Amino acid sequence: MDTEQVALVAGIISSAMFVSSHVPMLLKAYKTRDLHSYSSLNLVLVNIGNLIYWLYIITLPVGPIWLLHTFYSISSGLLLILYFKLYLGHHLNRYFCKIHLIRCLQV
């Protein structure tokens, strides 16, 4: 095997390992809807970083890094959406319930 083939095989194996290490975390977050261990700032920064990193990735030939970064971008985006859907929705519901309760008490 020449060095290019070794690098390609190493990229495929490491990409598969990275993806497989993230899948249980994503499934747990989806099933439990518990994202308290995540920071909203971290999720926002990760997604911005992924978008900026795509500027570098698109200069590379198609290979394992494209698949890996696509997975990271999609999973990070989904976590961000789920985070804001769950927590922003929860806070908005509490806010509107308080407003509604105040209006009910004033009548």
N, C-alpha and C. Protein backbone atom coordinates (compact mmCIF):
# COMPACT_ATOMS: atom_id res chain seq x y z
N MET A 1 0.83 -1.18 0.00
CA MET A 1 0.00 0.00 0.00
C MET A 1 0.88 1.25 0.00
N ASP A 2 0.54 2.20 -0.83
CA ASP A 2 1.30 3.44 -0.79
C ASP A 2 0.71 4.39 0.26
N THR A 3 1.38 5.50 0.48
CA THR A 3 0.97 6.40 1.57
C THR A 3 -0.41 7.02 1.33
N GLU A 4 -0.79 7.22 0.09
CA GLU A 4 -2.11 7.77 -0.19
C GLU A 4 -3.21 6.80 0.22
N GLN A 5 -3.01 5.53 -0.07
CA GLN A 5 -3.99 4.52 0.31
C GLN A 5 -4.06 4.37 1.83
N VAL A 6 -2.91 4.40 2.48
CA VAL A 6 -2.87 4.31 3.94
C VAL A 6 -3.63 5.48 4.55
N ALA A 7 -3.41 6.68 4.02
CA ALA A 7 -4.09 7.87 4.53
C ALA A 7 -5.60 7.75 4.31
N LEU A 8 -6.02 7.23 3.16
CA LEU A 8 -7.45 7.07 2.88
C LEU A 8 -8.08 6.06 3.83
N VAL A 9 -7.43 4.93 4.03
CA VAL A 9 -7.96 3.91 4.95
C VAL A 9 -8.00 4.45 6.38
N ALA A 10 -6.95 5.16 6.78
CA ALA A 10 -6.93 5.76 8.12
C ALA A 10 -8.06 6.78 8.27
N GLY A 11 -8.30 7.56 7.23
CA GLY A 11 -9.39 8.54 7.27
C GLY A 11 -10.75 7.89 7.38
N ILE A 12 -10.95 6.80 6.65
CA ILE A 12 -12.22 6.09 6.70
C ILE A 12 -12.44 5.47 8.08
N ILE A 13 -11.41 4.83 8.61
CA ILE A 13 -11.53 4.19 9.93
C ILE A 13 -11.77 5.22 11.03
N SER A 14 -10.99 6.30 11.03
CA SER A 14 -11.17 7.32 12.07
C SER A 14 -12.51 8.03 11.93
N SER A 15 -12.97 8.27 10.71
CA SER A 15 -14.29 8.89 10.52
C SER A 15 -15.38 7.99 11.07
N ALA A 16 -15.29 6.70 10.79
CA ALA A 16 -16.27 5.74 11.30
C ALA A 16 -16.26 5.72 12.82
N MET A 17 -15.08 5.81 13.42
CA MET A 17 -14.98 5.81 14.88
C MET A 17 -15.59 7.08 15.47
N PHE A 18 -15.31 8.24 14.87
CA PHE A 18 -15.88 9.49 15.35
C PHE A 18 -17.40 9.49 15.25
N VAL A 19 -17.91 9.03 14.12
CA VAL A 19 -19.36 8.99 13.92
C VAL A 19 -19.99 8.04 14.93
N SER A 20 -19.41 6.85 15.08
CA SER A 20 -20.00 5.87 16.00
C SER A 20 -19.93 6.35 17.45
N SER A 21 -18.97 7.21 17.78
CA SER A 21 -18.91 7.73 19.15
C SER A 21 -19.98 8.79 19.40
N HIS A 22 -20.45 9.45 18.35
CA HIS A 22 -21.48 10.50 18.51
C HIS A 22 -22.91 9.95 18.44
N VAL A 23 -23.11 8.85 17.77
CA VAL A 23 -24.47 8.33 17.58
C VAL A 23 -25.17 8.04 18.90
N PRO A 24 -24.55 7.37 19.87
CA PRO A 24 -25.26 7.13 21.15
C PRO A 24 -25.67 8.42 21.85
N MET A 25 -24.80 9.44 21.81
CA MET A 25 -25.12 10.72 22.43
C MET A 25 -26.32 11.37 21.75
N LEU A 26 -26.35 11.32 20.43
CA LEU A 26 -27.46 11.91 19.69
C LEU A 26 -28.77 11.16 19.96
N LEU A 27 -28.70 9.85 19.98
CA LEU A 27 -29.90 9.05 20.26
C LEU A 27 -30.43 9.32 21.67
N LYS A 28 -29.52 9.41 22.63
CA LYS A 28 -29.94 9.68 24.00
C LYS A 28 -30.58 11.07 24.11
N ALA A 29 -29.99 12.05 23.46
CA ALA A 29 -30.56 13.41 23.49
C ALA A 29 -31.93 13.42 22.83
N TYR A 30 -32.09 12.69 21.76
CA TYR A 30 -33.38 12.66 21.06
C TYR A 30 -34.44 11.92 21.87
N LYS A 31 -34.07 10.77 22.43
CA LYS A 31 -35.04 9.96 23.18
C LYS A 31 -35.46 10.61 24.48
N THR A 32 -34.49 11.13 25.23
CA THR A 32 -34.80 11.68 26.56
C THR A 32 -35.24 13.13 26.51
N ARG A 33 -34.92 13.82 25.44
CA ARG A 33 -35.20 15.25 25.31
C ARG A 33 -34.55 16.04 26.46
N ASP A 34 -33.46 15.50 26.98
CA ASP A 34 -32.74 16.13 28.09
C ASP A 34 -31.42 16.68 27.56
N LEU A 35 -31.38 17.98 27.40
CA LEU A 35 -30.17 18.63 26.89
C LEU A 35 -29.58 19.58 27.93
N HIS A 36 -29.85 19.32 29.21
CA HIS A 36 -29.33 20.19 30.26
C HIS A 36 -27.81 20.22 30.30
N SER A 37 -27.17 19.18 29.84
CA SER A 37 -25.71 19.14 29.88
C SER A 37 -25.08 19.94 28.75
N TYR A 38 -25.90 20.46 27.83
CA TYR A 38 -25.39 21.24 26.72
C TYR A 38 -25.51 22.72 27.01
N SER A 39 -24.54 23.47 26.58
CA SER A 39 -24.58 24.91 26.70
C SER A 39 -25.08 25.49 25.38
N SER A 40 -26.02 26.42 25.47
CA SER A 40 -26.54 27.03 24.24
C SER A 40 -25.43 27.77 23.50
N LEU A 41 -24.56 28.44 24.23
CA LEU A 41 -23.45 29.15 23.59
C LEU A 41 -22.52 28.17 22.88
N ASN A 42 -22.24 27.04 23.52
CA ASN A 42 -21.39 26.03 22.90
C ASN A 42 -22.03 25.53 21.61
N LEU A 43 -23.31 25.23 21.63
CA LEU A 43 -23.99 24.72 20.43
C LEU A 43 -23.98 25.76 19.31
N VAL A 44 -24.18 27.02 19.65
CA VAL A 44 -24.14 28.08 18.63
C VAL A 44 -22.74 28.20 18.05
N LEU A 45 -21.73 28.22 18.91
CA LEU A 45 -20.34 28.35 18.44
C LEU A 45 -19.91 27.16 17.60
N VAL A 46 -20.32 25.96 17.98
CA VAL A 46 -19.99 24.77 17.20
C VAL A 46 -20.58 24.87 15.80
N ASN A 47 -21.81 25.33 15.70
CA ASN A 47 -22.45 25.45 14.40
C ASN A 47 -21.81 26.55 13.55
N ILE A 48 -21.45 27.65 14.15
CA ILE A 48 -20.74 28.70 13.41
C ILE A 48 -19.38 28.19 12.96
N GLY A 49 -18.68 27.49 13.87
CA GLY A 49 -17.38 26.91 13.51
C GLY A 49 -17.50 25.91 12.37
N ASN A 50 -18.55 25.09 12.38
CA ASN A 50 -18.76 24.14 11.29
C ASN A 50 -18.97 24.86 9.97
N LEU A 51 -19.74 25.94 9.98
CA LEU A 51 -19.97 26.69 8.75
C LEU A 51 -18.66 27.29 8.22
N ILE A 52 -17.87 27.84 9.11
CA ILE A 52 -16.58 28.42 8.69
C ILE A 52 -15.63 27.33 8.20
N TYR A 53 -15.63 26.19 8.88
CA TYR A 53 -14.74 25.08 8.50
C TYR A 53 -15.08 24.55 7.12
N TRP A 54 -16.36 24.69 6.70
CA TRP A 54 -16.74 24.25 5.35
C TRP A 54 -15.96 25.01 4.29
N LEU A 55 -15.54 26.24 4.59
CA LEU A 55 -14.73 27.00 3.64
C LEU A 55 -13.41 26.29 3.36
N TYR A 56 -12.89 25.60 4.36
CA TYR A 56 -11.67 24.81 4.18
C TYR A 56 -11.99 23.46 3.52
N ILE A 57 -13.03 22.80 3.97
CA ILE A 57 -13.37 21.47 3.47
C ILE A 57 -13.62 21.48 1.97
N ILE A 58 -14.27 22.52 1.46
CA ILE A 58 -14.60 22.53 0.03
C ILE A 58 -13.37 22.65 -0.86
N THR A 59 -12.24 23.02 -0.27
CA THR A 59 -11.01 23.07 -1.07
C THR A 59 -10.33 21.71 -1.16
N LEU A 60 -10.78 20.74 -0.38
CA LEU A 60 -10.18 19.41 -0.36
C LEU A 60 -10.89 18.49 -1.35
N PRO A 61 -10.18 17.49 -1.83
CA PRO A 61 -10.87 16.51 -2.68
C PRO A 61 -11.90 15.73 -1.86
N VAL A 62 -12.93 15.26 -2.54
CA VAL A 62 -13.97 14.50 -1.84
C VAL A 62 -13.34 13.26 -1.23
N GLY A 63 -13.64 13.04 0.03
CA GLY A 63 -13.08 11.89 0.74
C GLY A 63 -13.75 11.75 2.09
N PRO A 64 -13.14 11.00 2.99
CA PRO A 64 -13.73 10.74 4.30
C PRO A 64 -14.01 12.02 5.09
N ILE A 65 -13.17 13.03 4.93
CA ILE A 65 -13.37 14.26 5.69
C ILE A 65 -14.69 14.93 5.32
N TRP A 66 -15.12 14.79 4.07
CA TRP A 66 -16.40 15.35 3.64
C TRP A 66 -17.54 14.66 4.38
N LEU A 67 -17.48 13.34 4.45
CA LEU A 67 -18.53 12.60 5.15
C LEU A 67 -18.54 12.91 6.64
N LEU A 68 -17.36 12.96 7.22
CA LEU A 68 -17.26 13.23 8.65
C LEU A 68 -17.79 14.62 8.98
N HIS A 69 -17.36 15.61 8.21
CA HIS A 69 -17.79 16.97 8.51
C HIS A 69 -19.27 17.18 8.19
N THR A 70 -19.77 16.49 7.20
CA THR A 70 -21.21 16.54 6.92
C THR A 70 -21.99 16.00 8.11
N PHE A 71 -21.52 14.87 8.64
CA PHE A 71 -22.17 14.29 9.82
C PHE A 71 -22.12 15.26 10.99
N TYR A 72 -20.93 15.84 11.26
CA TYR A 72 -20.80 16.79 12.37
C TYR A 72 -21.72 17.99 12.18
N SER A 73 -21.79 18.50 10.96
CA SER A 73 -22.62 19.67 10.70
C SER A 73 -24.09 19.36 10.91
N ILE A 74 -24.54 18.23 10.40
CA ILE A 74 -25.95 17.85 10.55
C ILE A 74 -26.28 17.57 12.01
N SER A 75 -25.42 16.80 12.70
CA SER A 75 -25.72 16.46 14.09
C SER A 75 -25.67 17.70 14.98
N SER A 76 -24.73 18.59 14.76
CA SER A 76 -24.65 19.82 15.55
C SER A 76 -25.85 20.71 15.29
N GLY A 77 -26.25 20.80 14.03
CA GLY A 77 -27.43 21.58 13.69
C GLY A 77 -28.69 21.03 14.32
N LEU A 78 -28.84 19.70 14.29
CA LEU A 78 -30.01 19.08 14.91
C LEU A 78 -30.03 19.30 16.42
N LEU A 79 -28.87 19.20 17.06
CA LEU A 79 -28.81 19.45 18.50
C LEU A 79 -29.19 20.89 18.82
N LEU A 80 -28.73 21.83 18.01
CA LEU A 80 -29.06 23.22 18.23
C LEU A 80 -30.56 23.46 18.07
N ILE A 81 -31.13 22.90 17.02
CA ILE A 81 -32.57 23.03 16.78
C ILE A 81 -33.36 22.40 17.93
N LEU A 82 -32.97 21.20 18.32
CA LEU A 82 -33.67 20.51 19.41
C LEU A 82 -33.54 21.29 20.71
N TYR A 83 -32.35 21.82 20.98
CA TYR A 83 -32.12 22.59 22.19
C TYR A 83 -33.05 23.80 22.25
N PHE A 84 -33.06 24.57 21.17
CA PHE A 84 -33.90 25.77 21.18
C PHE A 84 -35.38 25.44 21.12
N LYS A 85 -35.73 24.37 20.44
CA LYS A 85 -37.13 23.97 20.39
C LYS A 85 -37.62 23.58 21.79
N LEU A 86 -36.82 22.80 22.50
CA LEU A 86 -37.23 22.34 23.83
C LEU A 86 -37.18 23.46 24.87
N TYR A 87 -36.06 24.16 24.95
CA TYR A 87 -35.88 25.11 26.02
C TYR A 87 -36.51 26.46 25.73
N LEU A 88 -36.41 26.93 24.52
CA LEU A 88 -37.06 28.18 24.18
C LEU A 88 -38.57 27.99 24.23
N GLY A 89 -39.05 26.88 23.72
CA GLY A 89 -40.48 26.58 23.78
C GLY A 89 -40.97 26.48 25.21
N HIS A 90 -40.18 25.85 26.07
CA HIS A 90 -40.55 25.71 27.49
C HIS A 90 -40.65 27.09 28.15
N HIS A 91 -39.65 27.94 27.90
CA HIS A 91 -39.66 29.27 28.51
C HIS A 91 -40.78 30.14 27.95
N LEU A 92 -41.05 30.03 26.65
CA LEU A 92 -42.16 30.78 26.08
C LEU A 92 -43.49 30.31 26.65
N ASN A 93 -43.66 29.01 26.81
CA ASN A 93 -44.89 28.49 27.40
C ASN A 93 -45.07 29.01 28.82
N ARG A 94 -44.02 29.00 29.61
CA ARG A 94 -44.10 29.52 30.98
C ARG A 94 -44.46 31.00 30.97
N TYR A 95 -43.83 31.75 30.06
CA TYR A 95 -44.09 33.18 29.97
C TYR A 95 -45.55 33.45 29.62
N PHE A 96 -46.07 32.76 28.60
CA PHE A 96 -47.45 32.98 28.19
C PHE A 96 -48.44 32.47 29.24
N CYS A 97 -48.09 31.42 29.95
CA CYS A 97 -48.96 30.95 31.03
C CYS A 97 -49.03 31.99 32.14
N LYS A 98 -47.92 32.63 32.45
CA LYS A 98 -47.93 33.67 33.47
C LYS A 98 -48.79 34.85 33.03
N ILE A 99 -48.65 35.26 31.78
CA ILE A 99 -49.47 36.37 31.26
C ILE A 99 -50.94 36.00 31.32
N HIS A 100 -51.25 34.79 30.88
CA HIS A 100 -52.64 34.36 30.88
C HIS A 100 -53.20 34.29 32.29
N LEU A 101 -52.40 33.82 33.22
CA LEU A 101 -52.84 33.73 34.62
C LEU A 101 -53.10 35.12 35.18
N ILE A 102 -52.23 36.08 34.87
CA ILE A 102 -52.43 37.45 35.35
C ILE A 102 -53.72 38.03 34.78
N ARG A 103 -53.96 37.80 33.49
CA ARG A 103 -55.19 38.29 32.86
C ARG A 103 -56.43 37.63 33.49
N CYS A 104 -56.32 36.35 33.79
CA CYS A 104 -57.45 35.65 34.40
C CYS A 104 -57.74 36.21 35.79
N LEU A 105 -56.72 36.54 36.53
CA LEU A 105 -56.91 37.06 37.89
C LEU A 105 -57.46 38.48 37.88
N GLN A 106 -57.17 39.26 36.84
CA GLN A 106 -57.65 40.63 36.76
C GLN A 106 -59.12 40.71 36.39
N VAL A 107 -59.68 39.69 35.78
CA VAL A 107 -61.07 39.72 35.33
C VAL A 107 -62.01 39.45 36.44
